[in-house]
Amino acid sequence: MTHSLNRILNKKEQLGDRLAILAHHYQTDPVVEVADITGDSLELARHIEHLEAELIVFCGVYFMAESAAILRRPDQQIFTPEPEASCPMADMADPDDVRNVLQAIGSTRRVVPLTYVNSSAEVKAVVGEAGGSVCTSANASTMLRWAMDRGDAVLFLPDRHLGWNTADKLGLPESERLIIDPDTITPETAKNARLLLWPGHCPVHDVYDMGRVEQLRREYPGCRIAVHPESPASVVQAADADGSTSFLIRWCEEAPEGSTLIVGTEASLVNRLAKRYEGRKTILHLDMGWCEDMRKITPEKVADLLENIAQEPAEDVAEHVKFPARTALERMLQACS
């Protein structure tokens, strides 16, 4: 590990201001330690075009690097240390299926699509072409309100839990929500729904259940629990708080000294928070789950990329995809400015 760190630091010194390393909060500690900027999806997206660096190394899963490539300036290049770092949730929404659903239910009323940033560039492009936008876990309430103001119904994808939990926050009646089957949905089956939810989920957060929440409440009387809104609705409702990765970080920071805090999100971040507040606050996992694709990015791969960056292919998105996908992303950035 020390050898890889030295290799990275040497290349950072050589490349100077030409280079910026961005890392998502779910990256492991050794990768976060060499990053220039860390954040959640929205924070990192906002940084891209304002960076002076022309070489941007994005340590995250593929849809994040794609979003960076869509938002970059012409003089910037985006690289990822591991192009095979996928996202199971993003893979649950195929662009052709999304287009077919919009055509199937859009014949009788105006349906505005809203895709979680955890989706492919092709899906973002379909959404952009249909007048929709993108959201993150940090701004889902703002963007769902935005979408509902612009049509008769919203197609929210790919994470049903984030869509359902956001609808709870906005007070949308459950009778007006429908988790769809993309293969069988028709205007008739969807006619009473104002919120149509794609049936996707995050494998890390989907496993949380009420039994674990109740067990921890018994084991740690007086503990407080916060979870990511990709968690099932019953768990979110039973928690003391829920929010994006950045929210969870602030929640731990603002908790009183001596608190026992249970955090429901990816294990790398929870471990980092536990280490940061060791001896001052007790921070525990709701249930320890790793994003295996995030863990595919290692210091060794970052070092290899930096040492060969002149020969490495930059991440890019085809022009016919880039324009409508960028439009969808820009609608989000404008709505949340």
C-alpha atoms as a PDB file:
ATOM      1  CA  MET A   1       0.000   0.000   0.000  1.00  0.00           C
ATOM      2  CA  THR A   2       2.819   2.403   0.866  1.00  0.00           C
ATOM      3  CA  HIS A   3       4.461   1.710  -2.490  1.00  0.00           C
ATOM      4  CA  SER A   4       1.238   2.542  -4.365  1.00  0.00           C
ATOM      5  CA  LEU A   5       0.760   5.679  -2.272  1.00  0.00           C
ATOM      6  CA  ASN A   6       4.273   6.877  -3.100  1.00  0.00           C
ATOM      7  CA  ARG A   7       3.679   6.226  -6.799  1.00  0.00           C
ATOM      8  CA  ILE A   8       0.461   8.269  -6.673  1.00  0.00           C
ATOM      9  CA  LEU A   9       2.048  11.147  -4.760  1.00  0.00           C
ATOM     10  CA  ASN A  10       4.967  11.256  -7.212  1.00  0.00           C
ATOM     11  CA  LYS A  11       2.629  11.538 -10.200  1.00  0.00           C
ATOM     12  CA  LYS A  12       0.476  14.125  -8.445  1.00  0.00           C
ATOM     13  CA  GLU A  13       3.575  16.231  -7.871  1.00  0.00           C
ATOM     14  CA  GLN A  14       4.651  15.854 -11.499  1.00  0.00           C
ATOM     15  CA  LEU A  15       1.250  16.691 -12.967  1.00  0.00           C
ATOM     16  CA  GLY A  16       0.475  19.467 -10.485  1.00  0.00           C
ATOM     17  CA  ASP A  17      -2.613  21.546 -11.266  1.00  0.00           C
ATOM     18  CA  ARG A  18      -3.223  19.595 -14.468  1.00  0.00           C
ATOM     19  CA  LEU A  19      -4.588  16.707 -12.377  1.00  0.00           C
ATOM     20  CA  ALA A  20      -7.565  16.318 -10.039  1.00  0.00           C
ATOM     21  CA  ILE A  21      -8.591  13.070  -8.327  1.00  0.00           C
ATOM     22  CA  LEU A  22     -12.259  12.834  -7.320  1.00  0.00           C
ATOM     23  CA  ALA A  23     -13.553  10.061  -5.053  1.00  0.00           C
ATOM     24  CA  HIS A  24     -17.037   9.075  -3.933  1.00  0.00           C
ATOM     25  CA  HIS A  25     -17.615   8.613  -0.200  1.00  0.00           C
ATOM     26  CA  TYR A  26     -18.002   4.853  -0.697  1.00  0.00           C
ATOM     27  CA  GLN A  27     -14.393   4.442  -1.790  1.00  0.00           C
ATOM     28  CA  THR A  28     -12.015   2.748   0.634  1.00  0.00           C
ATOM     29  CA  ASP A  29      -9.839   4.864   2.941  1.00  0.00           C
ATOM     30  CA  PRO A  30      -6.598   4.496   0.924  1.00  0.00           C
ATOM     31  CA  VAL A  31      -8.340   5.861  -2.196  1.00  0.00           C
ATOM     32  CA  VAL A  32     -10.078   8.672  -0.298  1.00  0.00           C
ATOM     33  CA  GLU A  33      -6.738   9.694   1.233  1.00  0.00           C
ATOM     34  CA  VAL A  34      -5.192  10.429  -2.187  1.00  0.00           C
ATOM     35  CA  ALA A  35      -8.252  12.252  -3.542  1.00  0.00           C
ATOM     36  CA  ASP A  36      -8.328  16.007  -4.017  1.00  0.00           C
ATOM     37  CA  ILE A  37     -12.113  16.130  -3.704  1.00  0.00           C
ATOM     38  CA  THR A  38     -14.529  13.716  -2.048  1.00  0.00           C
ATOM     39  CA  GLY A  39     -18.288  13.887  -2.089  1.00  0.00           C
ATOM     40  CA  ASP A  40     -21.581  12.312  -3.020  1.00  0.00           C
ATOM     41  CA  SER A  41     -22.886  12.220  -6.576  1.00  0.00           C
ATOM     42  CA  LEU A  42     -24.311  15.748  -6.588  1.00  0.00           C
ATOM     43  CA  GLU A  43     -21.257  17.344  -4.978  1.00  0.00           C
ATOM     44  CA  LEU A  44     -18.874  15.717  -7.427  1.00  0.00           C
ATOM     45  CA  ALA A  45     -21.050  16.556 -10.443  1.00  0.00           C
ATOM     46  CA  ARG A  46     -21.040  20.226  -9.462  1.00  0.00           C
ATOM     47  CA  HIS A  47     -17.246  20.345  -9.404  1.00  0.00           C
ATOM     48  CA  ILE A  48     -16.478  19.100 -12.914  1.00  0.00           C
ATOM     49  CA  GLU A  49     -16.633  22.132 -15.189  1.00  0.00           C
ATOM     50  CA  HIS A  50     -15.262  24.474 -12.515  1.00  0.00           C
ATOM     51  CA  LEU A  51     -12.044  22.516 -12.039  1.00  0.00           C
ATOM     52  CA  GLU A  52      -8.898  23.998 -13.509  1.00  0.00           C
ATOM     53  CA  ALA A  53      -7.501  20.511 -14.033  1.00  0.00           C
ATOM     54  CA  GLU A  54      -7.541  19.082 -17.540  1.00  0.00           C
ATOM     55  CA  LEU A  55      -6.965  15.490 -16.342  1.00  0.00           C
ATOM     56  CA  ILE A  56      -9.701  14.273 -14.011  1.00  0.00           C
ATOM     57  CA  VAL A  57      -9.471  10.838 -12.419  1.00  0.00           C
ATOM     58  CA  PHE A  58     -12.890   9.756 -11.169  1.00  0.00           C
ATOM     59  CA  CYS A  59     -12.867   7.095  -8.466  1.00  0.00           C
ATOM     60  CA  GLY A  60     -16.393   5.761  -8.515  1.00  0.00           C
ATOM     61  CA  VAL A  61     -18.596   3.386 -10.483  1.00  0.00           C
ATOM     62  CA  TYR A  62     -19.167   3.716 -14.214  1.00  0.00           C
ATOM     63  CA  PHE A  63     -22.251   5.943 -14.220  1.00  0.00           C
ATOM     64  CA  MET A  64     -20.343   8.554 -12.195  1.00  0.00           C
ATOM     65  CA  ALA A  65     -17.494   8.652 -14.709  1.00  0.00           C
ATOM     66  CA  GLU A  66     -20.081   8.871 -17.498  1.00  0.00           C
ATOM     67  CA  SER A  67     -21.775  11.828 -15.818  1.00  0.00           C
ATOM     68  CA  ALA A  68     -18.403  13.520 -15.445  1.00  0.00           C
ATOM     69  CA  ALA A  69     -17.680  12.911 -19.136  1.00  0.00           C
ATOM     70  CA  ILE A  70     -21.059  14.412 -20.054  1.00  0.00           C
ATOM     71  CA  LEU A  71     -20.507  17.550 -17.946  1.00  0.00           C
ATOM     72  CA  ARG A  72     -16.814  18.122 -18.699  1.00  0.00           C
ATOM     73  CA  ARG A  73     -15.477  21.060 -20.665  1.00  0.00           C
ATOM     74  CA  PRO A  74     -13.971  20.337 -24.111  1.00  0.00           C
ATOM     75  CA  ASP A  75     -10.442  20.826 -22.738  1.00  0.00           C
ATOM     76  CA  GLN A  76     -10.940  18.253 -19.976  1.00  0.00           C
ATOM     77  CA  GLN A  77     -10.475  14.487 -20.034  1.00  0.00           C
ATOM     78  CA  ILE A  78     -12.105  12.011 -17.653  1.00  0.00           C
ATOM     79  CA  PHE A  79     -10.367   8.784 -16.600  1.00  0.00           C
ATOM     80  CA  THR A  80     -11.422   5.951 -14.335  1.00  0.00           C
ATOM     81  CA  PRO A  81      -9.039   3.499 -12.667  1.00  0.00           C
ATOM     82  CA  GLU A  82     -11.481   0.615 -13.219  1.00  0.00           C
ATOM     83  CA  PRO A  83     -13.880   0.757 -16.198  1.00  0.00           C
ATOM     84  CA  GLU A  84     -15.471  -2.524 -15.045  1.00  0.00           C
ATOM     85  CA  ALA A  85     -16.769  -0.993 -11.795  1.00  0.00           C
ATOM     86  CA  SER A  86     -20.475  -1.313 -12.504  1.00  0.00           C
ATOM     87  CA  CYS A  87     -23.641  -0.625 -10.502  1.00  0.00           C
ATOM     88  CA  PRO A  88     -26.269  -3.363 -10.136  1.00  0.00           C
ATOM     89  CA  MET A  89     -29.028  -0.827  -9.547  1.00  0.00           C
ATOM     90  CA  ALA A  90     -28.148   1.193 -12.646  1.00  0.00           C
ATOM     91  CA  ASP A  91     -28.084  -2.016 -14.677  1.00  0.00           C
ATOM     92  CA  MET A  92     -31.699  -2.728 -13.665  1.00  0.00           C
ATOM     93  CA  ALA A  93     -32.945   0.004 -16.046  1.00  0.00           C
ATOM     94  CA  ASP A  94     -32.359  -0.666 -19.739  1.00  0.00           C
ATOM     95  CA  PRO A  95     -32.763   2.376 -22.002  1.00  0.00           C
ATOM     96  CA  ASP A  96     -34.964   0.544 -24.508  1.00  0.00           C
ATOM     97  CA  ASP A  97     -37.228  -0.668 -21.713  1.00  0.00           C
ATOM     98  CA  VAL A  98     -37.496   2.873 -20.333  1.00  0.00           C
ATOM     99  CA  ARG A  99     -38.371   4.228 -23.773  1.00  0.00           C
ATOM    100  CA  ASN A 100     -40.985   1.508 -24.292  1.00  0.00           C
ATOM    101  CA  VAL A 101     -42.620   2.207 -20.925  1.00  0.00           C
ATOM    102  CA  LEU A 102     -42.794   5.933 -21.649  1.00  0.00           C
ATOM    103  CA  GLN A 103     -44.384   5.217 -25.018  1.00  0.00           C
ATOM    104  CA  ALA A 104     -46.828   2.732 -23.509  1.00  0.00           C
ATOM    105  CA  ILE A 105     -48.141   5.032 -20.794  1.00  0.00           C
ATOM    106  CA  GLY A 106     -47.563   8.374 -22.479  1.00  0.00           C
ATOM    107  CA  SER A 107     -50.308   8.015 -25.078  1.00  0.00           C
ATOM    108  CA  THR A 108     -53.058   9.300 -22.793  1.00  0.00           C
ATOM    109  CA  ARG A 109     -51.303  11.741 -20.473  1.00  0.00           C
ATOM    110  CA  ARG A 110     -48.085  13.645 -19.872  1.00  0.00           C
ATOM    111  CA  VAL A 111     -45.557  11.454 -18.033  1.00  0.00           C
ATOM    112  CA  VAL A 112     -42.324  13.139 -16.896  1.00  0.00           C
ATOM    113  CA  PRO A 113     -39.415  10.750 -16.272  1.00  0.00           C
ATOM    114  CA  LEU A 114     -37.029  11.339 -13.376  1.00  0.00           C
ATOM    115  CA  THR A 115     -33.967   9.143 -13.136  1.00  0.00           C
ATOM    116  CA  TYR A 116     -31.734   8.712 -10.147  1.00  0.00           C
ATOM    117  CA  VAL A 117     -28.152   9.621 -11.015  1.00  0.00           C
ATOM    118  CA  ASN A 118     -27.423   5.910 -10.497  1.00  0.00           C
ATOM    119  CA  SER A 119     -28.327   5.165 -14.109  1.00  0.00           C
ATOM    120  CA  SER A 120     -26.510   4.837 -17.406  1.00  0.00           C
ATOM    121  CA  ALA A 121     -25.852   7.708 -19.790  1.00  0.00           C
ATOM    122  CA  GLU A 122     -28.231   6.062 -22.272  1.00  0.00           C
ATOM    123  CA  VAL A 123     -31.057   6.093 -19.709  1.00  0.00           C
ATOM    124  CA  LYS A 124     -30.301   9.724 -18.856  1.00  0.00           C
ATOM    125  CA  ALA A 125     -30.505  10.488 -22.586  1.00  0.00           C
ATOM    126  CA  VAL A 126     -33.941   8.853 -22.911  1.00  0.00           C
ATOM    127  CA  VAL A 127     -35.098  10.855 -19.887  1.00  0.00           C
ATOM    128  CA  GLY A 128     -33.656  14.080 -21.292  1.00  0.00           C
ATOM    129  CA  GLU A 129     -35.369  13.562 -24.639  1.00  0.00           C
ATOM    130  CA  ALA A 130     -38.690  13.051 -22.847  1.00  0.00           C
ATOM    131  CA  GLY A 131     -38.420  16.353 -20.972  1.00  0.00           C
ATOM    132  CA  GLY A 132     -37.281  14.787 -17.718  1.00  0.00           C
ATOM    133  CA  SER A 133     -34.360  15.225 -15.398  1.00  0.00           C
ATOM    134  CA  VAL A 134     -32.003  13.559 -12.937  1.00  0.00           C
ATOM    135  CA  CYS A 135     -31.937  13.472  -9.151  1.00  0.00           C
ATOM    136  CA  THR A 136     -29.623  12.370  -6.382  1.00  0.00           C
ATOM    137  CA  SER A 137     -30.487  11.167  -2.907  1.00  0.00           C
ATOM    138  CA  ALA A 138     -29.640  14.680  -1.694  1.00  0.00           C
ATOM    139  CA  ASN A 139     -32.130  16.488  -3.913  1.00  0.00           C
ATOM    140  CA  ALA A 140     -34.763  13.835  -4.653  1.00  0.00           C
ATOM    141  CA  SER A 141     -37.570  15.787  -2.942  1.00  0.00           C
ATOM    142  CA  THR A 142     -36.794  18.949  -4.908  1.00  0.00           C
ATOM    143  CA  MET A 143     -36.610  17.092  -8.191  1.00  0.00           C
ATOM    144  CA  LEU A 144     -39.702  14.935  -7.654  1.00  0.00           C
ATOM    145  CA  ARG A 145     -41.661  18.123  -6.920  1.00  0.00           C
ATOM    146  CA  TRP A 146     -40.117  19.629 -10.084  1.00  0.00           C
ATOM    147  CA  ALA A 147     -41.234  16.654 -12.174  1.00  0.00           C
ATOM    148  CA  MET A 148     -44.737  16.492 -10.679  1.00  0.00           C
ATOM    149  CA  ASP A 149     -45.264  20.169 -11.511  1.00  0.00           C
ATOM    150  CA  ARG A 150     -44.588  19.441 -15.179  1.00  0.00           C
ATOM    151  CA  GLY A 151     -46.894  16.556 -15.951  1.00  0.00           C
ATOM    152  CA  ASP A 152     -49.782  14.333 -14.985  1.00  0.00           C
ATOM    153  CA  ALA A 153     -47.510  11.582 -13.657  1.00  0.00           C
ATOM    154  CA  VAL A 154     -43.841  10.874 -12.954  1.00  0.00           C
ATOM    155  CA  LEU A 155     -41.885   7.778 -13.919  1.00  0.00           C
ATOM    156  CA  PHE A 156     -39.192   7.436 -11.235  1.00  0.00           C
ATOM    157  CA  LEU A 157     -36.295   5.076 -11.888  1.00  0.00           C
ATOM    158  CA  PRO A 158     -34.456   2.896 -11.217  1.00  0.00           C
ATOM    159  CA  ASP A 159     -34.664   2.723  -7.385  1.00  0.00           C
ATOM    160  CA  ARG A 160     -38.169   2.067  -6.078  1.00  0.00           C
ATOM    161  CA  HIS A 161     -37.136   2.672  -2.455  1.00  0.00           C
ATOM    162  CA  LEU A 162     -35.778   6.165  -3.049  1.00  0.00           C
ATOM    163  CA  GLY A 163     -38.891   7.022  -5.055  1.00  0.00           C
ATOM    164  CA  TRP A 164     -41.242   5.643  -2.396  1.00  0.00           C
ATOM    165  CA  ASN A 165     -39.433   7.318   0.514  1.00  0.00           C
ATOM    166  CA  THR A 166     -39.344  10.632  -1.334  1.00  0.00           C
ATOM    167  CA  ALA A 167     -43.079  10.386  -2.000  1.00  0.00           C
ATOM    168  CA  ASP A 168     -43.568   9.885   1.740  1.00  0.00           C
ATOM    169  CA  LYS A 169     -41.703  13.127   2.402  1.00  0.00           C
ATOM    170  CA  LEU A 170     -43.913  14.974  -0.084  1.00  0.00           C
ATOM    171  CA  GLY A 171     -47.109  13.493   1.350  1.00  0.00           C
ATOM    172  CA  LEU A 172     -48.188  11.735  -1.842  1.00  0.00           C
ATOM    173  CA  PRO A 173     -50.903   9.183  -0.977  1.00  0.00           C
ATOM    174  CA  GLU A 174     -49.894   5.548  -1.378  1.00  0.00           C
ATOM    175  CA  SER A 175     -53.014   5.041  -3.496  1.00  0.00           C
ATOM    176  CA  GLU A 176     -51.395   7.273  -6.133  1.00  0.00           C
ATOM    177  CA  ARG A 177     -48.184   5.217  -6.334  1.00  0.00           C
ATOM    178  CA  LEU A 178     -47.523   2.105  -8.397  1.00  0.00           C
ATOM    179  CA  ILE A 179     -44.447  -0.141  -8.587  1.00  0.00           C
ATOM    180  CA  ILE A 180     -44.597  -1.101 -12.227  1.00  0.00           C
ATOM    181  CA  ASP A 181     -43.749  -4.195 -14.220  1.00  0.00           C
ATOM    182  CA  PRO A 182     -41.982  -2.733 -17.293  1.00  0.00           C
ATOM    183  CA  ASP A 183     -43.017  -5.733 -19.401  1.00  0.00           C
ATOM    184  CA  THR A 184     -46.743  -5.545 -18.753  1.00  0.00           C
ATOM    185  CA  ILE A 185     -47.622  -1.958 -17.881  1.00  0.00           C
ATOM    186  CA  THR A 186     -50.463  -0.352 -19.855  1.00  0.00           C
ATOM    187  CA  PRO A 187     -52.271   2.995 -19.719  1.00  0.00           C
ATOM    188  CA  GLU A 188     -55.132   1.179 -17.997  1.00  0.00           C
ATOM    189  CA  THR A 189     -53.028  -0.369 -15.207  1.00  0.00           C
ATOM    190  CA  ALA A 190     -51.250   2.946 -14.633  1.00  0.00           C
ATOM    191  CA  LYS A 191     -54.234   5.278 -14.916  1.00  0.00           C
ATOM    192  CA  ASN A 192     -54.630   6.021 -11.182  1.00  0.00           C
ATOM    193  CA  ALA A 193     -50.944   6.479 -10.401  1.00  0.00           C
ATOM    194  CA  ARG A 194     -49.250   9.855 -10.222  1.00  0.00           C
ATOM    195  CA  LEU A 195     -45.955   8.184  -9.316  1.00  0.00           C
ATOM    196  CA  LEU A 196     -44.799   5.165 -11.316  1.00  0.00           C
ATOM    197  CA  LEU A 197     -41.846   3.423  -9.687  1.00  0.00           C
ATOM    198  CA  TRP A 198     -39.329   1.318 -11.583  1.00  0.00           C
ATOM    199  CA  PRO A 199     -38.747  -1.963  -9.670  1.00  0.00           C
ATOM    200  CA  GLY A 200     -35.001  -1.507  -9.074  1.00  0.00           C
ATOM    201  CA  HIS A 201     -33.018  -1.435  -5.851  1.00  0.00           C
ATOM    202  CA  CYS A 202     -29.525  -1.156  -4.381  1.00  0.00           C
ATOM    203  CA  PRO A 203     -28.295  -4.576  -3.176  1.00  0.00           C
ATOM    204  CA  VAL A 204     -26.404  -2.953  -0.264  1.00  0.00           C
ATOM    205  CA  HIS A 205     -29.370  -1.051   1.164  1.00  0.00           C
ATOM    206  CA  ASP A 206     -32.205  -3.366   0.137  1.00  0.00           C
ATOM    207  CA  VAL A 207     -31.234  -5.974   2.761  1.00  0.00           C
ATOM    208  CA  TYR A 208     -31.989  -3.759   5.771  1.00  0.00           C
ATOM    209  CA  ASP A 209     -35.036  -4.929   7.707  1.00  0.00           C
ATOM    210  CA  MET A 210     -37.075  -4.113  10.787  1.00  0.00           C
ATOM    211  CA  GLY A 211     -35.761  -7.123  12.707  1.00  0.00           C
ATOM    212  CA  ARG A 212     -32.267  -5.651  12.674  1.00  0.00           C
ATOM    213  CA  VAL A 213     -33.544  -2.189  13.662  1.00  0.00           C
ATOM    214  CA  GLU A 214     -35.454  -3.628  16.621  1.00  0.00           C
ATOM    215  CA  GLN A 215     -32.481  -5.764  17.682  1.00  0.00           C
ATOM    216  CA  LEU A 216     -30.144  -2.768  17.764  1.00  0.00           C
ATOM    217  CA  ARG A 217     -32.687  -0.667  19.688  1.00  0.00           C
ATOM    218  CA  ARG A 218     -32.709  -3.409  22.341  1.00  0.00           C
ATOM    219  CA  GLU A 219     -28.929  -3.845  22.422  1.00  0.00           C
ATOM    220  CA  TYR A 220     -28.167  -0.112  22.548  1.00  0.00           C
ATOM    221  CA  PRO A 221     -30.915   1.692  24.488  1.00  0.00           C
ATOM    222  CA  GLY A 222     -31.003   5.357  23.569  1.00  0.00           C
ATOM    223  CA  CYS A 223     -29.138   4.868  20.287  1.00  0.00           C
ATOM    224  CA  ARG A 224     -30.073   6.935  17.272  1.00  0.00           C
ATOM    225  CA  ILE A 225     -30.401   5.463  13.787  1.00  0.00           C
ATOM    226  CA  ALA A 226     -29.932   7.145  10.423  1.00  0.00           C
ATOM    227  CA  VAL A 227     -30.178   5.407   7.058  1.00  0.00           C
ATOM    228  CA  HIS A 228     -29.786   6.105   3.376  1.00  0.00           C
ATOM    229  CA  PRO A 229     -33.127   6.567   1.552  1.00  0.00           C
ATOM    230  CA  GLU A 230     -32.288   3.660  -0.773  1.00  0.00           C
ATOM    231  CA  SER A 231     -33.390   1.543   2.209  1.00  0.00           C
ATOM    232  CA  PRO A 232     -36.863  -0.067   2.405  1.00  0.00           C
ATOM    233  CA  ALA A 233     -39.617   2.298   3.544  1.00  0.00           C
ATOM    234  CA  SER A 234     -40.286   0.426   6.808  1.00  0.00           C
ATOM    235  CA  VAL A 235     -36.643   0.921   7.845  1.00  0.00           C
ATOM    236  CA  VAL A 236     -36.618   4.593   6.855  1.00  0.00           C
ATOM    237  CA  GLN A 237     -39.819   5.202   8.822  1.00  0.00           C
ATOM    238  CA  ALA A 238     -38.375   3.450  11.897  1.00  0.00           C
ATOM    239  CA  ALA A 239     -35.110   5.404  11.771  1.00  0.00           C
ATOM    240  CA  ASP A 240     -34.509   8.724  13.497  1.00  0.00           C
ATOM    241  CA  ALA A 241     -33.226  10.295  10.286  1.00  0.00           C
ATOM    242  CA  ASP A 242     -32.494   9.512   6.660  1.00  0.00           C
ATOM    243  CA  GLY A 243     -30.543  11.222   3.922  1.00  0.00           C
ATOM    244  CA  SER A 244     -27.740  11.173   1.391  1.00  0.00           C
ATOM    245  CA  THR A 245     -24.186  10.144   2.161  1.00  0.00           C
ATOM    246  CA  SER A 246     -23.299  13.775   2.796  1.00  0.00           C
ATOM    247  CA  PHE A 247     -26.270  14.086   5.152  1.00  0.00           C
ATOM    248  CA  LEU A 248     -25.175  10.991   7.087  1.00  0.00           C
ATOM    249  CA  ILE A 249     -21.684  12.452   7.488  1.00  0.00           C
ATOM    250  CA  ARG A 250     -23.103  15.728   8.839  1.00  0.00           C
ATOM    251  CA  TRP A 251     -25.528  13.845  11.096  1.00  0.00           C
ATOM    252  CA  CYS A 252     -22.649  12.006  12.751  1.00  0.00           C
ATOM    253  CA  GLU A 253     -20.628  15.206  13.043  1.00  0.00           C
ATOM    254  CA  GLU A 254     -23.476  17.122  14.709  1.00  0.00           C
ATOM    255  CA  ALA A 255     -24.459  14.374  17.166  1.00  0.00           C
ATOM    256  CA  PRO A 256     -23.555  15.081  20.809  1.00  0.00           C
ATOM    257  CA  GLU A 257     -20.397  13.628  22.297  1.00  0.00           C
ATOM    258  CA  GLY A 258     -21.058  10.218  23.825  1.00  0.00           C
ATOM    259  CA  SER A 259     -23.806   9.343  21.346  1.00  0.00           C
ATOM    260  CA  THR A 260     -24.330   5.824  20.052  1.00  0.00           C
ATOM    261  CA  LEU A 261     -25.139   6.158  16.362  1.00  0.00           C
ATOM    262  CA  ILE A 262     -26.310   3.395  14.033  1.00  0.00           C
ATOM    263  CA  VAL A 263     -25.684   4.201  10.357  1.00  0.00           C
ATOM    264  CA  GLY A 264     -27.329   2.336   7.501  1.00  0.00           C
ATOM    265  CA  THR A 265     -25.217   2.718   4.394  1.00  0.00           C
ATOM    266  CA  GLU A 266     -22.160   1.302   2.630  1.00  0.00           C
ATOM    267  CA  ALA A 267     -19.587  -0.130   5.024  1.00  0.00           C
ATOM    268  CA  SER A 268     -16.523   1.821   3.856  1.00  0.00           C
ATOM    269  CA  LEU A 269     -18.154   5.104   4.838  1.00  0.00           C
ATOM    270  CA  VAL A 270     -19.452   3.771   8.159  1.00  0.00           C
ATOM    271  CA  ASN A 271     -16.019   2.400   9.057  1.00  0.00           C
ATOM    272  CA  ARG A 272     -14.446   5.765   8.225  1.00  0.00           C
ATOM    273  CA  LEU A 273     -16.921   7.600  10.438  1.00  0.00           C
ATOM    274  CA  ALA A 274     -16.384   5.122  13.291  1.00  0.00           C
ATOM    275  CA  LYS A 275     -12.637   5.693  13.090  1.00  0.00           C
ATOM    276  CA  ARG A 276     -13.018   9.477  12.886  1.00  0.00           C
ATOM    277  CA  TYR A 277     -15.080   9.699  16.086  1.00  0.00           C
ATOM    278  CA  GLU A 278     -13.493   6.839  18.018  1.00  0.00           C
ATOM    279  CA  GLY A 279     -13.418   7.627  21.750  1.00  0.00           C
ATOM    280  CA  ARG A 280     -15.973  10.422  21.329  1.00  0.00           C
ATOM    281  CA  LYS A 281     -18.978   8.752  19.748  1.00  0.00           C
ATOM    282  CA  THR A 282     -19.866   5.119  19.093  1.00  0.00           C
ATOM    283  CA  ILE A 283     -20.746   4.575  15.429  1.00  0.00           C
ATOM    284  CA  LEU A 284     -22.023   1.162  14.360  1.00  0.00           C
ATOM    285  CA  HIS A 285     -23.330  -0.484  11.199  1.00  0.00           C
ATOM    286  CA  LEU A 286     -27.027  -1.112  10.789  1.00  0.00           C
ATOM    287  CA  ASP A 287     -25.875  -4.103   8.758  1.00  0.00           C
ATOM    288  CA  MET A 288     -22.397  -4.356   7.253  1.00  0.00           C
ATOM    289  CA  GLY A 289     -22.645  -4.357   3.455  1.00  0.00           C
ATOM    290  CA  TRP A 290     -19.981  -3.448   0.921  1.00  0.00           C
ATOM    291  CA  CYS A 291     -20.371  -2.046  -2.570  1.00  0.00           C
ATOM    292  CA  GLU A 292     -18.160  -4.590  -4.293  1.00  0.00           C
ATOM    293  CA  ASP A 293     -17.921  -2.497  -7.452  1.00  0.00           C
ATOM    294  CA  MET A 294     -16.663   0.550  -5.549  1.00  0.00           C
ATOM    295  CA  ARG A 295     -14.032  -1.712  -3.979  1.00  0.00           C
ATOM    296  CA  LYS A 296     -12.726  -2.676  -7.422  1.00  0.00           C
ATOM    297  CA  ILE A 297     -10.898   0.674  -7.437  1.00  0.00           C
ATOM    298  CA  THR A 298      -7.644   0.287  -5.517  1.00  0.00           C
ATOM    299  CA  PRO A 299      -4.580   2.479  -4.923  1.00  0.00           C
ATOM    300  CA  GLU A 300      -2.645   0.152  -7.207  1.00  0.00           C
ATOM    301  CA  LYS A 301      -5.068   0.804 -10.056  1.00  0.00           C
ATOM    302  CA  VAL A 302      -4.986   4.552  -9.409  1.00  0.00           C
ATOM    303  CA  ALA A 303      -1.166   4.472  -9.502  1.00  0.00           C
ATOM    304  CA  ASP A 304      -1.133   2.410 -12.713  1.00  0.00           C
ATOM    305  CA  LEU A 305      -3.532   4.840 -14.376  1.00  0.00           C
ATOM    306  CA  LEU A 306      -1.539   7.918 -13.377  1.00  0.00           C
ATOM    307  CA  GLU A 307       1.752   6.450 -14.580  1.00  0.00           C
ATOM    308  CA  ASN A 308       0.237   5.645 -17.978  1.00  0.00           C
ATOM    309  CA  ILE A 309      -2.307   8.422 -18.293  1.00  0.00           C
ATOM    310  CA  ALA A 310      -0.891   9.727 -21.581  1.00  0.00           C
ATOM    311  CA  GLN A 311      -1.667   6.375 -23.198  1.00  0.00           C
ATOM    312  CA  GLU A 312      -4.931   5.604 -21.412  1.00  0.00           C
ATOM    313  CA  PRO A 313      -8.253   6.124 -23.257  1.00  0.00           C
ATOM    314  CA  ALA A 314     -10.387   8.848 -21.727  1.00  0.00           C
ATOM    315  CA  GLU A 315     -13.983   8.162 -20.762  1.00  0.00           C
ATOM    316  CA  ASP A 316     -16.444   9.586 -23.250  1.00  0.00           C
ATOM    317  CA  VAL A 317     -20.074   9.351 -24.281  1.00  0.00           C
ATOM    318  CA  ALA A 318     -21.348   9.271 -27.866  1.00  0.00           C
ATOM    319  CA  GLU A 319     -22.602  12.653 -29.068  1.00  0.00           C
ATOM    320  CA  HIS A 320     -26.144  11.436 -29.765  1.00  0.00           C
ATOM    321  CA  VAL A 321     -26.305  10.326 -26.109  1.00  0.00           C
ATOM    322  CA  LYS A 322     -24.311  13.161 -24.588  1.00  0.00           C
ATOM    323  CA  PHE A 323     -26.561  16.064 -25.599  1.00  0.00           C
ATOM    324  CA  PRO A 324     -29.902  14.797 -24.199  1.00  0.00           C
ATOM    325  CA  ALA A 325     -28.174  13.286 -21.147  1.00  0.00           C
ATOM    326  CA  ARG A 326     -26.439  16.600 -20.445  1.00  0.00           C
ATOM    327  CA  THR A 327     -29.782  18.369 -20.840  1.00  0.00           C
ATOM    328  CA  ALA A 328     -31.278  16.101 -18.171  1.00  0.00           C
ATOM    329  CA  LEU A 329     -28.346  16.713 -15.813  1.00  0.00           C
ATOM    330  CA  GLU A 330     -28.388  20.468 -16.408  1.00  0.00           C
ATOM    331  CA  ARG A 331     -32.101  20.625 -15.567  1.00  0.00           C
ATOM    332  CA  MET A 332     -31.202  19.160 -12.177  1.00  0.00           C
ATOM    333  CA  LEU A 333     -28.289  21.527 -11.607  1.00  0.00           C
ATOM    334  CA  GLN A 334     -30.456  24.529 -12.549  1.00  0.00           C
ATOM    335  CA  ALA A 335     -33.357  23.415 -10.352  1.00  0.00           C
ATOM    336  CA  CYS A 336     -31.019  22.917  -7.393  1.00  0.00           C
ATOM    337  CA  SER A 337     -28.811  25.976  -7.892  1.00  0.00           C
END
